[in-house]
Every structure is written in C-alpha cells, then in structure tokens.
Amino acid sequence: MDGELPLATEGPFGVPKRSLRKRAGGVLAGAGVLAAKFGAYLKSAVLVLPKLKLLTTAGTALVSMAAYSLLFGWPFAVGFVVLLFVHEMGHVIQLRREGIKASTPMFIPFLGAAIFSRSLGDNALAEARVGLAGPILGTLGSAVVALIAALTGSDLLLALAYMGFFLNLINLIPVVPFDGGRAMAAVAPSMWFLGIGGLVAMVVLLGNPFLLVFILLALREMPRRWRQLRSRSIEQASYYRVPRNHRIMIGLVYTALIVALALGMAETHILASAGHSFRSL
C-alpha cells in the first residue's frame, strides 16, 4: 500500500458508480426543479397578497411604522406614515372624481406608498390632475403640521413638516412614475428625459440605492409611453393631445407647488435653527 485509496469503478455488487460530474448534474437539476416550483408558488402568492388582510392599509401602515421607527423612533415614524397617507389620499380622491375606482393606500417601507387603479384617466390631462392631487393635499398637510409646530415649538413636528415638504417636492421630479412625470405627460413629455437625468445625478451625488428602483421603473415605462406619443395611431396619440390653456394651467400649478414646497422647507429649517439658537442661550 502506498497510502492512496484505489479509484473505485464499480459498486459493491458490480454496479458501476456514477461519476462525480453526473451526480452534481443530478443535484443541480433537482435544485432547478425546486426553484421553478418555488417561483410558481411565489408568483401565485404575489397575486394573492393584495387580498390578504395583512396588506390592508392598516397592516402595511403598521409595518412601515415599525420599519421607520428603527431609524427615527416611533413618534416620527407614526407622523411620517400619516403624511404619506395624506399625500396618497389626494390621488385616491381625484381618481374617484374622475370616475375611476381606486384602492386605499398600501405602504411600502422606505419606498413610500402606492394605490392601485385600472387607469389614471382617459387622457394625459386627467392623469396630470390625478398626479398633482397628491402633492397638493400633501403640501397642505405639511403646512398644517408646520403651523402647529410654530405655535407649539415642537421640534418633532418641525422635523415632520420639513420631511413632508421634502417628500412632496421629490415627487415632482418630472419623470414617471413620480407625480411630476404624470403632470409632464400633459405639459411637455420631453421633460421625462430631464427627470431621469436628474434621478441618475441624485444616485451619484447622494448614493441612495432606493432611487435605483425608480430609475428602473422609469426606464421600463418611458419607451412604451414615447412610442405611444409618437404613434401614427390617432387613438394612441390622442391621449397626449391637451388644449393649450389646460397645459398652461397644469404648468402653473406644477411650478407653484415647487415654489411653495421649497419655501416650506426653507421656513421650517429657519424655525428649527431659531429654536435651537434660543434653547442654547
């Protein structure tokens, strides 16, 4: 014996042993079947999830509150989710005014919230109204919080108001799926390219990985919309035909929101700084 084990070519009863490569192949094939089954189950689960009680507005709100509380504490988390709710209810109210059934908001930790409907309206003007309704109501909600904060001197409410203004301002980025992109569908769809460029710049400068999700969504949505916009089909292209006076009105509301939200952020920041200065005396 030279200390090495002989290579076995047969089993105990003369049955040839399978090679290591074949055995590994069998294991991989089995794993592939399991993965395929798991994928099928996962797909079925995704279709069923919206119907589960856990993912109702209250359930998803609690999940989001718990997630945000890990970073900011419970009081801020609760207030932040309430402001998200106010913003999303703006969309829900306007959708119902357009005659479209819409779900109540469902919250997604660190990505905000979403509502589900069969469409956003019959044309780009209706889509713009639905899109801007969220920031309009969200801005009003944040302004109320800022007013209460100014009257009470609450640092928590000031921080919430600032975050509310910031949240609604971010939503005005002019690219779908943001609300600003929906407004630009009626005003100037070419602004979508500026919006996606801005998102890429924010990822590079801020290093926020969550923004990559919105970039992927935009890249998925924009080609379809651009083909629809440039389509020779009268039915498809008519979606983006908005009367000039309505385009101007949507553009003015969009611009006014940006100005109001920027001022709101500036004022809450000044109030917070003044409060800290006063307490330091």
Protein backbone atom coordinates (compact mmCIF):
# COMPACT_ATOMS: atom_id res chain seq x y z
CA MET A 1 0.00 0.00 0.00
CA ASP A 2 1.33 3.37 -0.92
CA GLY A 3 -1.10 5.31 1.21
CA GLU A 4 -3.55 6.13 -1.61
CA LEU A 5 -7.04 4.69 -1.96
CA PRO A 6 -7.72 2.93 -5.26
CA LEU A 7 -10.27 4.52 -7.60
CA ALA A 8 -13.49 2.54 -7.33
CA THR A 9 -15.08 1.88 -10.69
CA GLU A 10 -17.77 -0.49 -9.51
CA GLY A 11 -20.18 -0.65 -6.65
CA PRO A 12 -20.37 -3.44 -4.15
CA PHE A 13 -22.39 -5.70 -6.46
CA GLY A 14 -20.73 -4.89 -9.74
CA VAL A 15 -22.99 -1.89 -10.44
CA PRO A 16 -20.96 0.95 -12.00
CA LYS A 17 -20.78 4.06 -9.80
CA ARG A 18 -22.00 7.34 -11.25
CA SER A 19 -19.26 9.86 -11.93
CA LEU A 20 -18.98 12.95 -9.76
CA ARG A 21 -19.99 15.13 -12.70
CA LYS A 22 -23.20 13.17 -13.28
CA ARG A 23 -24.08 13.25 -9.61
CA ALA A 24 -23.51 17.01 -9.48
CA GLY A 25 -25.63 17.41 -12.58
CA GLY A 26 -28.42 15.49 -10.93
CA VAL A 27 -28.25 17.68 -7.83
CA LEU A 28 -28.35 20.84 -9.95
CA ALA A 29 -31.27 19.54 -11.96
CA GLY A 30 -33.15 18.80 -8.76
CA ALA A 31 -32.38 22.25 -7.44
CA GLY A 32 -33.64 23.74 -10.69
CA VAL A 33 -36.95 21.92 -10.36
CA LEU A 34 -37.32 23.12 -6.78
CA ALA A 35 -36.51 26.69 -7.82
CA ALA A 36 -39.10 26.52 -10.61
CA LYS A 37 -41.73 25.25 -8.17
CA PHE A 38 -40.79 27.95 -5.67
CA GLY A 39 -41.09 30.58 -8.42
CA ALA A 40 -44.55 29.31 -9.32
CA TYR A 41 -45.63 29.42 -5.68
CA LEU A 42 -44.14 32.91 -5.32
CA LYS A 43 -45.99 34.15 -8.40
CA SER A 44 -49.25 32.78 -7.02
CA ALA A 45 -48.52 34.41 -3.66
CA VAL A 46 -47.92 37.80 -5.30
CA LEU A 47 -51.33 37.58 -6.99
CA VAL A 48 -52.99 36.71 -3.69
CA LEU A 49 -51.11 39.18 -1.49
CA PRO A 50 -53.31 42.22 -2.19
CA LYS A 51 -56.28 40.23 -0.89
CA LEU A 52 -54.69 39.33 2.40
CA LYS A 53 -55.77 41.26 5.46
CA LEU A 54 -52.13 41.80 6.40
CA LEU A 55 -51.69 44.05 3.39
CA THR A 56 -54.64 46.31 4.03
CA THR A 57 -53.91 49.96 4.62
CA ALA A 58 -53.73 49.50 8.38
CA GLY A 59 -51.49 46.44 8.16
CA THR A 60 -48.99 47.92 5.73
CA ALA A 61 -49.02 51.19 7.68
CA LEU A 62 -48.02 49.35 10.86
CA VAL A 63 -45.25 47.51 9.01
CA SER A 64 -43.91 50.80 7.62
CA MET A 65 -44.11 52.47 11.02
CA ALA A 66 -42.11 49.64 12.52
CA ALA A 67 -39.51 49.91 9.77
CA TYR A 68 -39.14 53.69 10.02
CA SER A 69 -39.05 53.52 13.82
CA LEU A 70 -35.81 51.57 13.61
CA LEU A 71 -34.16 54.66 12.14
CA PHE A 72 -36.16 57.58 13.55
CA GLY A 73 -38.12 56.32 16.55
CA TRP A 74 -41.84 55.67 16.90
CA PRO A 75 -43.18 59.24 17.18
CA PHE A 76 -41.53 60.37 13.94
CA ALA A 77 -42.40 57.10 12.17
CA VAL A 78 -46.10 57.46 13.01
CA GLY A 79 -46.19 61.09 11.83
CA PHE A 80 -44.30 60.29 8.65
CA VAL A 81 -46.69 57.50 7.68
CA VAL A 82 -49.65 59.81 8.37
CA LEU A 83 -48.16 62.39 5.97
CA LEU A 84 -47.67 59.67 3.36
CA PHE A 85 -51.30 58.70 3.83
CA VAL A 86 -52.46 62.29 3.30
CA HIS A 87 -50.44 62.52 0.08
CA GLU A 88 -51.81 59.25 -1.31
CA MET A 89 -55.38 60.14 -0.39
CA GLY A 90 -55.03 63.14 -2.71
CA HIS A 91 -54.61 60.67 -5.58
CA VAL A 92 -57.48 58.50 -4.35
CA ILE A 93 -59.88 61.44 -4.08
CA GLN A 94 -59.04 62.73 -7.55
CA LEU A 95 -59.28 59.28 -9.12
CA ARG A 96 -62.75 58.89 -7.71
CA ARG A 97 -63.64 62.34 -9.00
CA GLU A 98 -62.53 61.14 -12.42
CA GLY A 99 -64.93 58.21 -12.04
CA ILE A 100 -62.18 55.62 -11.52
CA LYS A 101 -62.21 53.12 -8.68
CA ALA A 102 -59.02 53.19 -6.63
CA SER A 103 -57.70 51.19 -3.72
CA THR A 104 -56.83 52.76 -0.41
CA PRO A 105 -53.09 53.39 0.06
CA MET A 106 -50.74 50.47 0.67
CA PHE A 107 -47.42 51.33 2.30
CA ILE A 108 -44.01 50.06 1.21
CA PRO A 109 -41.22 50.63 3.75
CA PHE A 110 -38.52 53.05 2.51
CA LEU A 111 -40.26 53.40 -0.87
CA GLY A 112 -43.36 55.31 0.22
CA ALA A 113 -46.86 54.13 -0.62
CA ALA A 114 -48.94 53.13 -3.62
CA ILE A 115 -52.52 52.93 -4.76
CA PHE A 116 -53.97 50.65 -7.41
CA SER A 117 -56.49 51.53 -10.11
CA ARG A 118 -57.38 50.29 -13.58
CA SER A 119 -56.12 53.55 -15.12
CA LEU A 120 -55.17 57.15 -14.34
CA GLY A 121 -57.80 58.67 -16.58
CA ASP A 122 -58.87 58.78 -20.20
CA ASN A 123 -56.17 61.23 -21.26
CA ALA A 124 -52.98 62.95 -20.15
CA LEU A 125 -54.91 65.87 -18.66
CA ALA A 126 -56.80 63.55 -16.30
CA GLU A 127 -53.52 61.78 -15.46
CA ALA A 128 -51.93 65.15 -14.62
CA ARG A 129 -54.83 66.07 -12.34
CA VAL A 130 -54.51 62.74 -10.54
CA GLY A 131 -50.74 63.12 -10.31
CA LEU A 132 -50.79 66.64 -8.88
CA ALA A 133 -53.62 65.95 -6.42
CA GLY A 134 -51.20 64.01 -4.21
CA PRO A 135 -48.64 66.81 -3.80
CA ILE A 136 -51.39 69.41 -3.43
CA LEU A 137 -53.03 67.63 -0.49
CA GLY A 138 -49.61 66.58 0.83
CA THR A 139 -48.41 70.18 0.78
CA LEU A 140 -51.49 71.33 2.67
CA GLY A 141 -51.00 68.57 5.24
CA SER A 142 -47.35 69.50 5.75
CA ALA A 143 -48.29 73.18 6.07
CA VAL A 144 -50.78 72.34 8.83
CA VAL A 145 -48.08 70.41 10.69
CA ALA A 146 -45.64 73.32 10.24
CA LEU A 147 -48.21 75.77 11.61
CA ILE A 148 -48.86 73.64 14.69
CA ALA A 149 -45.10 73.24 15.15
CA ALA A 150 -44.61 77.03 15.01
CA LEU A 151 -47.34 77.56 17.59
CA THR A 152 -46.16 74.85 19.97
CA GLY A 153 -42.39 74.99 19.39
CA SER A 154 -42.31 71.23 18.78
CA ASP A 155 -39.06 70.05 17.24
CA LEU A 156 -40.72 66.76 16.27
CA LEU A 157 -43.47 68.49 14.31
CA LEU A 158 -40.96 70.82 12.65
CA ALA A 159 -38.94 67.82 11.52
CA LEU A 160 -42.10 66.11 10.23
CA ALA A 161 -43.20 69.23 8.37
CA TYR A 162 -39.76 69.57 6.77
CA MET A 163 -39.81 65.92 5.71
CA GLY A 164 -43.36 66.30 4.38
CA PHE A 165 -42.38 69.26 2.21
CA PHE A 166 -39.29 67.38 1.01
CA LEU A 167 -41.29 64.23 0.23
CA ASN A 168 -43.79 66.12 -1.91
CA LEU A 169 -41.04 68.08 -3.65
CA ILE A 170 -39.21 64.87 -4.59
CA ASN A 171 -42.47 63.56 -6.02
CA LEU A 172 -42.45 66.43 -8.51
CA ILE A 173 -39.39 65.07 -10.34
CA PRO A 174 -40.57 65.22 -13.98
CA VAL A 175 -40.42 61.54 -14.85
CA VAL A 176 -42.86 58.67 -14.41
CA PRO A 177 -43.65 57.06 -12.01
CA PHE A 178 -43.29 60.29 -9.99
CA ASP A 179 -46.23 62.68 -9.81
CA GLY A 180 -44.22 65.31 -11.68
CA GLY A 181 -43.83 62.89 -14.58
CA ARG A 182 -47.60 62.48 -14.73
CA ALA A 183 -48.00 66.26 -14.82
CA MET A 184 -45.47 66.50 -17.63
CA ALA A 185 -47.49 63.97 -19.66
CA ALA A 186 -49.95 66.82 -20.19
CA VAL A 187 -47.47 69.71 -20.38
CA ALA A 188 -44.21 68.58 -22.01
CA PRO A 189 -43.44 64.83 -22.18
CA SER A 190 -39.89 65.59 -23.36
CA MET A 191 -39.20 66.70 -19.76
CA TRP A 192 -39.12 63.00 -18.84
CA PHE A 193 -35.56 62.83 -20.18
CA LEU A 194 -34.51 65.69 -17.90
CA GLY A 195 -36.19 63.93 -15.00
CA ILE A 196 -34.40 60.63 -15.49
CA GLY A 197 -31.11 62.50 -15.86
CA GLY A 198 -31.83 64.20 -12.54
CA LEU A 199 -32.52 60.84 -10.90
CA VAL A 200 -29.21 59.43 -12.13
CA ALA A 201 -27.40 62.53 -10.82
CA MET A 202 -29.08 62.11 -7.41
CA VAL A 203 -27.96 58.49 -7.21
CA VAL A 204 -24.38 59.52 -7.99
CA LEU A 205 -24.34 62.51 -5.62
CA LEU A 206 -26.42 61.13 -2.76
CA GLY A 207 -25.54 57.46 -3.09
CA ASN A 208 -29.15 56.49 -2.31
CA PRO A 209 -29.70 52.94 -3.62
CA PHE A 210 -33.50 53.17 -3.28
CA LEU A 211 -33.57 55.67 -6.16
CA LEU A 212 -32.36 52.90 -8.46
CA VAL A 213 -35.80 51.32 -8.14
CA PHE A 214 -37.41 54.44 -9.61
CA ILE A 215 -34.81 54.64 -12.38
CA LEU A 216 -35.64 51.06 -13.37
CA LEU A 217 -39.36 51.82 -13.30
CA ALA A 218 -38.80 54.91 -15.44
CA LEU A 219 -36.70 53.01 -17.96
CA ARG A 220 -39.43 50.40 -18.17
CA GLU A 221 -42.23 52.92 -18.65
CA MET A 222 -40.69 55.62 -20.82
CA PRO A 223 -40.11 53.64 -24.07
CA ARG A 224 -43.75 52.49 -24.15
CA ARG A 225 -45.03 55.99 -23.50
CA TRP A 226 -42.71 57.57 -26.05
CA ARG A 227 -43.87 55.09 -28.72
CA GLN A 228 -47.47 55.90 -27.80
CA LEU A 229 -46.74 59.62 -28.00
CA ARG A 230 -45.14 59.30 -31.46
CA SER A 231 -47.61 56.71 -32.70
CA ARG A 232 -49.36 57.24 -36.02
CA SER A 233 -52.43 55.75 -34.44
CA ILE A 234 -54.90 58.57 -33.84
CA GLU A 235 -56.36 56.73 -30.85
CA GLN A 236 -53.00 56.31 -29.11
CA ALA A 237 -51.57 59.74 -29.92
CA SER A 238 -54.80 61.48 -28.87
CA TYR A 239 -54.09 60.55 -25.25
CA TYR A 240 -51.45 63.32 -25.16
CA ARG A 241 -53.48 65.95 -27.01
CA VAL A 242 -54.17 68.55 -24.34
CA PRO A 243 -55.60 72.01 -25.11
CA ARG A 244 -53.05 74.79 -24.75
CA ASN A 245 -54.91 76.60 -21.94
CA HIS A 246 -55.01 73.37 -19.91
CA ARG A 247 -51.29 72.77 -20.48
CA ILE A 248 -50.58 76.27 -19.18
CA MET A 249 -52.80 75.72 -16.13
CA ILE A 250 -51.13 72.41 -15.25
CA GLY A 251 -47.71 74.01 -15.75
CA LEU A 252 -48.61 76.90 -13.43
CA VAL A 253 -49.88 74.56 -10.70
CA TYR A 254 -46.75 72.42 -11.05
CA THR A 255 -44.46 75.46 -10.77
CA ALA A 256 -46.44 76.92 -7.85
CA LEU A 257 -46.13 73.63 -5.97
CA ILE A 258 -42.35 73.59 -6.43
CA VAL A 259 -42.07 77.16 -5.14
CA ALA A 260 -44.41 76.52 -2.18
CA LEU A 261 -42.61 73.33 -1.16
CA ALA A 262 -39.17 74.93 -1.44
CA LEU A 263 -40.36 77.84 0.72
CA GLY A 264 -41.89 75.42 3.20
CA MET A 265 -38.59 73.57 3.55
CA ALA A 266 -36.70 76.84 3.96
CA GLU A 267 -39.11 78.19 6.59
CA THR A 268 -39.16 75.01 8.68
CA HIS A 269 -35.37 74.90 8.54
CA ILE A 270 -35.20 78.53 9.72
CA LEU A 271 -37.67 77.85 12.53
CA ALA A 272 -35.71 74.80 13.63
CA SER A 273 -32.44 76.77 13.61
CA ALA A 274 -34.01 79.64 15.54
CA GLY A 275 -35.39 77.22 18.10
CA HIS A 276 -32.02 75.62 18.64
CA SER A 277 -30.40 79.05 18.97
CA PHE A 278 -32.99 80.14 21.52
CA ARG A 279 -32.56 76.99 23.61
CA SER A 280 -28.80 77.37 23.58
CA LEU A 281 -28.99 80.77 25.29
